[in-house]
C-alpha atoms as a PDB file:
ATOM      1  CA  UNK A   1    -103.937 -67.394-200.042  1.00  0.00           C
ATOM      2  CA  UNK A   2    -100.717 -68.779-199.905  1.00  0.00           C
ATOM      3  CA  UNK A   3     -97.842 -67.448-201.467  1.00  0.00           C
ATOM      4  CA  UNK A   4     -95.009 -69.777-203.125  1.00  0.00           C
ATOM      5  CA  UNK A   5     -91.845 -68.682-204.145  1.00  0.00           C
ATOM      6  CA  UNK A   6     -91.661 -69.915-207.681  1.00  0.00           C
ATOM      7  CA  UNK A   7     -88.546 -68.028-207.906  1.00  0.00           C
ATOM      8  CA  UNK A   8     -86.121 -69.752-206.030  1.00  0.00           C
ATOM      9  CA  UNK A   9     -83.202 -67.764-207.845  1.00  0.00           C
ATOM     10  CA  UNK A  10     -83.673 -64.754-205.691  1.00  0.00           C
ATOM     11  CA  UNK A  11     -82.874 -66.644-202.582  1.00  0.00           C
ATOM     12  CA  UNK A  12     -79.707 -68.194-204.274  1.00  0.00           C
ATOM     13  CA  UNK A  13     -78.783 -64.845-205.671  1.00  0.00           C
ATOM     14  CA  UNK A  14     -78.830 -63.228-202.114  1.00  0.00           C
ATOM     15  CA  UNK A  15     -76.859 -66.106-200.840  1.00  0.00           C
ATOM     16  CA  UNK A  16     -74.357 -65.892-203.468  1.00  0.00           C
ATOM     17  CA  UNK A  17     -73.882 -62.105-202.938  1.00  0.00           C
ATOM     18  CA  UNK A  18     -73.494 -62.857-199.069  1.00  0.00           C
ATOM     19  CA  UNK A  19     -71.015 -65.307-199.931  1.00  0.00           C
ATOM     20  CA  UNK A  20     -69.348 -62.726-202.216  1.00  0.00           C
ATOM     21  CA  UNK A  21     -69.459 -60.276-199.587  1.00  0.00           C
ATOM     22  CA  UNK A  22     -67.824 -62.292-197.175  1.00  0.00           C
ATOM     23  CA  UNK A  23     -65.103 -63.508-199.497  1.00  0.00           C
ATOM     24  CA  UNK A  24     -64.488 -59.784-200.544  1.00  0.00           C
ATOM     25  CA  UNK A  25     -64.534 -58.768-196.797  1.00  0.00           C
ATOM     26  CA  UNK A  26     -62.125 -61.591-195.973  1.00  0.00           C
ATOM     27  CA  UNK A  27     -59.846 -60.572-199.013  1.00  0.00           C
ATOM     28  CA  UNK A  28     -59.850 -56.874-197.932  1.00  0.00           C
ATOM     29  CA  UNK A  29     -59.217 -57.987-194.158  1.00  0.00           C
ATOM     30  CA  UNK A  30     -56.177 -59.877-195.661  1.00  0.00           C
ATOM     31  CA  UNK A  31     -55.031 -57.392-198.020  1.00  0.00           C
ATOM     32  CA  UNK A  32     -55.364 -54.716-195.075  1.00  0.00           C
ATOM     33  CA  UNK A  33     -53.214 -57.068-192.895  1.00  0.00           C
ATOM     34  CA  UNK A  34     -50.702 -57.787-195.419  1.00  0.00           C
ATOM     35  CA  UNK A  35     -50.406 -53.879-196.228  1.00  0.00           C
ATOM     36  CA  UNK A  36     -49.970 -53.377-192.391  1.00  0.00           C
ATOM     37  CA  UNK A  37     -47.481 -56.093-192.002  1.00  0.00           C
ATOM     38  CA  UNK A  38     -45.553 -55.011-195.238  1.00  0.00           C
ATOM     39  CA  UNK A  39     -45.242 -51.607-193.797  1.00  0.00           C
ATOM     40  CA  UNK A  40     -44.192 -52.804-190.378  1.00  0.00           C
ATOM     41  CA  UNK A  41     -41.551 -54.724-191.899  1.00  0.00           C
ATOM     42  CA  UNK A  42     -40.321 -51.854-193.833  1.00  0.00           C
ATOM     43  CA  UNK A  43     -40.316 -49.647-191.069  1.00  0.00           C
ATOM     44  CA  UNK A  44     -38.349 -52.297-188.928  1.00  0.00           C
ATOM     45  CA  UNK A  45     -36.124 -52.729-191.622  1.00  0.00           C
ATOM     46  CA  UNK A  46     -35.385 -48.962-191.815  1.00  0.00           C
ATOM     47  CA  UNK A  47     -35.186 -48.730-188.154  1.00  0.00           C
ATOM     48  CA  UNK A  48     -32.710 -51.250-187.927  1.00  0.00           C
ATOM     49  CA  UNK A  49     -30.512 -49.656-190.700  1.00  0.00           C
ATOM     50  CA  UNK A  50     -30.648 -46.325-188.928  1.00  0.00           C
ATOM     51  CA  UNK A  51     -29.650 -47.946-185.557  1.00  0.00           C
ATOM     52  CA  UNK A  52     -26.928 -49.649-187.418  1.00  0.00           C
ATOM     53  CA  UNK A  53     -25.777 -46.133-188.845  1.00  0.00           C
ATOM     54  CA  UNK A  54     -26.269 -44.452-185.584  1.00  0.00           C
ATOM     55  CA  UNK A  55     -23.859 -47.001-183.866  1.00  0.00           C
ATOM     56  CA  UNK A  56     -21.304 -46.600-186.797  1.00  0.00           C
ATOM     57  CA  UNK A  57     -21.669 -42.495-186.540  1.00  0.00           C
ATOM     58  CA  UNK A  58     -21.023 -42.771-182.715  1.00  0.00           C
ATOM     59  CA  UNK A  59     -18.058 -45.233-183.086  1.00  0.00           C
ATOM     60  CA  UNK A  60     -16.345 -42.659-185.619  1.00  0.00           C
ATOM     61  CA  UNK A  61     -17.299 -39.945-183.186  1.00  0.00           C
ATOM     62  CA  UNK A  62     -15.629 -41.497-180.466  1.00  0.00           C
ATOM     63  CA  UNK A  63     -12.470 -41.945-182.392  1.00  0.00           C
ATOM     64  CA  UNK A  64     -12.610 -38.407-183.580  1.00  0.00           C
ATOM     65  CA  UNK A  65     -12.977 -37.244-180.268  1.00  0.00           C
ATOM     66  CA  UNK A  66      -9.640 -39.203-179.414  1.00  0.00           C
ATOM     67  CA  UNK A  67      -8.033 -37.743-182.439  1.00  0.00           C
ATOM     68  CA  UNK A  68      -9.116 -34.210-181.341  1.00  0.00           C
ATOM     69  CA  UNK A  69      -7.656 -34.689-177.759  1.00  0.00           C
ATOM     70  CA  UNK A  70      -4.518 -36.057-179.153  1.00  0.00           C
ATOM     71  CA  UNK A  71      -4.797 -32.745-181.572  1.00  0.00           C
ATOM     72  CA  UNK A  72      -5.442 -30.568-178.596  1.00  0.00           C
ATOM     73  CA  UNK A  73      -2.267 -32.294-176.854  1.00  0.00           C
ATOM     74  CA  UNK A  74       0.056 -31.581-179.595  1.00  0.00           C
ATOM     75  CA  UNK A  75      -1.036 -27.775-179.747  1.00  0.00           C
ATOM     76  CA  UNK A  76      -0.398 -27.386-176.179  1.00  0.00           C
ATOM     77  CA  UNK A  77       2.867 -28.768-176.635  1.00  0.00           C
ATOM     78  CA  UNK A  78       3.597 -26.641-179.804  1.00  0.00           C
ATOM     79  CA  UNK A  79       2.689 -23.773-177.734  1.00  0.00           C
ATOM     80  CA  UNK A  80       5.267 -25.013-174.994  1.00  0.00           C
ATOM     81  CA  UNK A  81       7.858 -25.603-177.480  1.00  0.00           C
ATOM     82  CA  UNK A  82       7.339 -22.135-179.336  1.00  0.00           C
ATOM     83  CA  UNK A  83       7.273 -20.348-175.576  1.00  0.00           C
ATOM     84  CA  UNK A  84      11.032 -22.088-175.090  1.00  0.00           C
ATOM     85  CA  UNK A  85      11.769 -21.109-178.479  1.00  0.00           C
ATOM     86  CA  UNK A  86      11.329 -17.464-177.921  1.00  0.00           C
ATOM     87  CA  UNK A  87      12.754 -17.479-174.459  1.00  0.00           C
ATOM     88  CA  UNK A  88      15.985 -18.999-176.093  1.00  0.00           C
ATOM     89  CA  UNK A  89      16.014 -16.656-178.996  1.00  0.00           C
ATOM     90  CA  UNK A  90      15.507 -13.630-176.495  1.00  0.00           C
ATOM     91  CA  UNK A  91      18.308 -15.154-174.567  1.00  0.00           C
ATOM     92  CA  UNK A  92      20.285 -15.667-177.566  1.00  0.00           C
ATOM     93  CA  UNK A  93      20.121 -11.733-178.536  1.00  0.00           C
ATOM     94  CA  UNK A  94      20.382 -10.553-175.196  1.00  0.00           C
ATOM     95  CA  UNK A  95      23.427 -12.633-174.478  1.00  0.00           C
ATOM     96  CA  UNK A  96      25.844 -10.011-175.609  1.00  0.00           C
ATOM     97  CA  UNK A  97      24.047  -6.921-174.174  1.00  0.00           C
ATOM     98  CA  UNK A  98      26.339  -6.763-170.917  1.00  0.00           C
ATOM     99  CA  UNK A  99      29.433  -6.754-172.707  1.00  0.00           C
ATOM    100  CA  UNK A 100      28.024  -3.786-174.864  1.00  0.00           C
ATOM    101  CA  UNK A 101      26.535  -2.398-172.067  1.00  0.00           C
ATOM    102  CA  UNK A 102      30.069  -2.337-170.217  1.00  0.00           C
ATOM    103  CA  UNK A 103      31.827  -1.189-173.687  1.00  0.00           C
ATOM    104  CA  UNK A 104      29.198   1.585-173.928  1.00  0.00           C
ATOM    105  CA  UNK A 105      29.543   2.628-170.397  1.00  0.00           C
ATOM    106  CA  UNK A 106      33.213   2.547-170.495  1.00  0.00           C
ATOM    107  CA  UNK A 107      33.368   5.032-173.401  1.00  0.00           C
ATOM    108  CA  UNK A 108      30.613   7.324-171.804  1.00  0.00           C
ATOM    109  CA  UNK A 109      31.967   7.692-168.285  1.00  0.00           C
ATOM    110  CA  UNK A 110      34.122  10.992-167.775  1.00  0.00           C
ATOM    111  CA  UNK A 111      37.215  11.254-165.898  1.00  0.00           C
ATOM    112  CA  UNK A 112      36.354  12.047-162.413  1.00  0.00           C
ATOM    113  CA  UNK A 113      33.611   9.132-161.735  1.00  0.00           C
ATOM    114  CA  UNK A 114      34.175   5.846-160.008  1.00  0.00           C
ATOM    115  CA  UNK A 115      31.247   3.403-160.645  1.00  0.00           C
ATOM    116  CA  UNK A 116      30.516   1.077-157.595  1.00  0.00           C
ATOM    117  CA  UNK A 117      27.623  -1.050-158.879  1.00  0.00           C
ATOM    118  CA  UNK A 118      25.744  -1.684-161.718  1.00  0.00           C
ATOM    119  CA  UNK A 119      22.182  -3.518-161.570  1.00  0.00           C
ATOM    120  CA  UNK A 120      20.351  -4.539-164.766  1.00  0.00           C
ATOM    121  CA  UNK A 121      16.796  -5.107-164.752  1.00  0.00           C
ATOM    122  CA  UNK A 122      13.714  -3.161-166.132  1.00  0.00           C
ATOM    123  CA  UNK A 123      16.114  -0.449-166.007  1.00  0.00           C
ATOM    124  CA  UNK A 124      19.660  -0.129-165.499  1.00  0.00           C
ATOM    125  CA  UNK A 125      20.888   1.469-162.196  1.00  0.00           C
ATOM    126  CA  UNK A 126      24.290   2.887-161.913  1.00  0.00           C
ATOM    127  CA  UNK A 127      25.849   4.058-158.632  1.00  0.00           C
ATOM    128  CA  UNK A 128      29.034   5.694-157.929  1.00  0.00           C
ATOM    129  CA  UNK A 129      31.449   8.575-156.726  1.00  0.00           C
ATOM    130  CA  UNK A 130      32.091  11.550-158.744  1.00  0.00           C
ATOM    131  CA  UNK A 131      34.696  14.294-157.710  1.00  0.00           C
ATOM    132  CA  UNK A 132      31.832  17.034-158.320  1.00  0.00           C
ATOM    133  CA  UNK A 133      28.404  17.553-159.660  1.00  0.00           C
ATOM    134  CA  UNK A 134      29.403  18.753-162.993  1.00  0.00           C
ATOM    135  CA  UNK A 135      30.989  15.238-163.432  1.00  0.00           C
ATOM    136  CA  UNK A 136      27.389  13.886-163.044  1.00  0.00           C
ATOM    137  CA  UNK A 137      26.252  16.049-165.301  1.00  0.00           C
ATOM    138  CA  UNK A 138      28.623  15.423-167.866  1.00  0.00           C
ATOM    139  CA  UNK A 139      27.956  11.521-167.227  1.00  0.00           C
ATOM    140  CA  UNK A 140      24.087  12.240-167.727  1.00  0.00           C
ATOM    141  CA  UNK A 141      24.756  14.426-170.995  1.00  0.00           C
ATOM    142  CA  UNK A 142      26.839  11.733-172.223  1.00  0.00           C
ATOM    143  CA  UNK A 143      24.387   8.993-171.822  1.00  0.00           C
ATOM    144  CA  UNK A 144      21.459  10.682-173.254  1.00  0.00           C
ATOM    145  CA  UNK A 145      23.245  12.601-176.387  1.00  0.00           C
ATOM    146  CA  UNK A 146      24.777   9.661-178.116  1.00  0.00           C
ATOM    147  CA  UNK A 147      22.713   7.180-180.037  1.00  0.00           C
ATOM    148  CA  UNK A 148      23.063   3.560-178.825  1.00  0.00           C
ATOM    149  CA  UNK A 149      22.244   0.231-180.323  1.00  0.00           C
ATOM    150  CA  UNK A 150      21.077  -1.055-176.869  1.00  0.00           C
ATOM    151  CA  UNK A 151      17.997   0.228-176.644  1.00  0.00           C
ATOM    152  CA  UNK A 152      18.388   2.697-173.307  1.00  0.00           C
ATOM    153  CA  UNK A 153      16.224   5.504-172.868  1.00  0.00           C
ATOM    154  CA  UNK A 154      17.188   8.653-171.567  1.00  0.00           C
ATOM    155  CA  UNK A 155      19.075   8.593-167.881  1.00  0.00           C
ATOM    156  CA  UNK A 156      17.503   9.997-164.952  1.00  0.00           C
ATOM    157  CA  UNK A 157      19.407  11.222-161.913  1.00  0.00           C
ATOM    158  CA  UNK A 158      17.634   9.831-158.870  1.00  0.00           C
ATOM    159  CA  UNK A 159      19.808  10.739-156.046  1.00  0.00           C
ATOM    160  CA  UNK A 160      22.948  12.615-155.241  1.00  0.00           C
ATOM    161  CA  UNK A 161      24.449  13.351-152.095  1.00  0.00           C
ATOM    162  CA  UNK A 162      27.772  14.452-150.517  1.00  0.00           C
ATOM    163  CA  UNK A 163      29.768  11.692-149.066  1.00  0.00           C
ATOM    164  CA  UNK A 164      33.364  11.097-147.616  1.00  0.00           C
ATOM    165  CA  UNK A 165      35.704   8.445-149.224  1.00  0.00           C
ATOM    166  CA  UNK A 166      38.003   6.734-147.129  1.00  0.00           C
ATOM    167  CA  UNK A 167      38.857   7.849-143.558  1.00  0.00           C
ATOM    168  CA  UNK A 168      41.518   9.371-141.836  1.00  0.00           C
ATOM    169  CA  UNK A 169      44.324  11.799-143.714  1.00  0.00           C
ATOM    170  CA  UNK A 170      43.257  10.705-147.052  1.00  0.00           C
ATOM    171  CA  UNK A 171      39.430  11.278-146.660  1.00  0.00           C
ATOM    172  CA  UNK A 172      37.951  13.022-149.524  1.00  0.00           C
ATOM    173  CA  UNK A 173      34.623  14.833-150.089  1.00  0.00           C
ATOM    174  CA  UNK A 174      32.828  12.981-153.013  1.00  0.00           C
ATOM    175  CA  UNK A 175      29.445  12.817-154.507  1.00  0.00           C
ATOM    176  CA  UNK A 176      27.562   9.550-154.158  1.00  0.00           C
ATOM    177  CA  UNK A 177      25.063   9.187-157.247  1.00  0.00           C
ATOM    178  CA  UNK A 178      22.518   6.748-158.349  1.00  0.00           C
ATOM    179  CA  UNK A 179      21.272   7.143-161.979  1.00  0.00           C
ATOM    180  CA  UNK A 180      18.443   5.277-163.593  1.00  0.00           C
ATOM    181  CA  UNK A 181      18.570   4.145-167.295  1.00  0.00           C
ATOM    182  CA  UNK A 182      15.429   2.708-168.755  1.00  0.00           C
ATOM    183  CA  UNK A 183      15.933  -0.681-170.494  1.00  0.00           C
ATOM    184  CA  UNK A 184      13.712  -0.455-173.644  1.00  0.00           C
ATOM    185  CA  UNK A 185      14.642  -3.850-175.048  1.00  0.00           C
ATOM    186  CA  UNK A 186      14.239  -6.924-172.912  1.00  0.00           C
END
């Protein structure tokens, strides 16, 4: 027996479903491609904006690096100026010290002592001649007992030895001495 399809609507329906499926698949593919394209465009836009921001930040960083270098140079100049100012102030405060020192020594050196040299540095070195050891002791006592504004420490006898002063008839036996006084203020 032969079969006849008296129901052609099923075939039509199958073709319609196939066409609908193809349209929907095409639509989904187009929709997916458009979403991917939109996402790609948005990402590219964000990347370009971020690149612009990075370029701006890099240019600002270079400007700030230049300013930091200038500030560093200024700080070095300020330090040098402060060092010079400190040196000038120290010189200014110490410029009268030799005068005060000579005045101080003229008051404290007893009779019978003749100073032959005075050296000033980290310590003050006095050397001279004395008529006796007692005069040197008196000098040391005078220098250590009296308070002074010069910032001098206690004197210390470095050397004392017998020497002759002059030659011939006028030669005298004297004591050659050296005294060190620490200079506490420099």
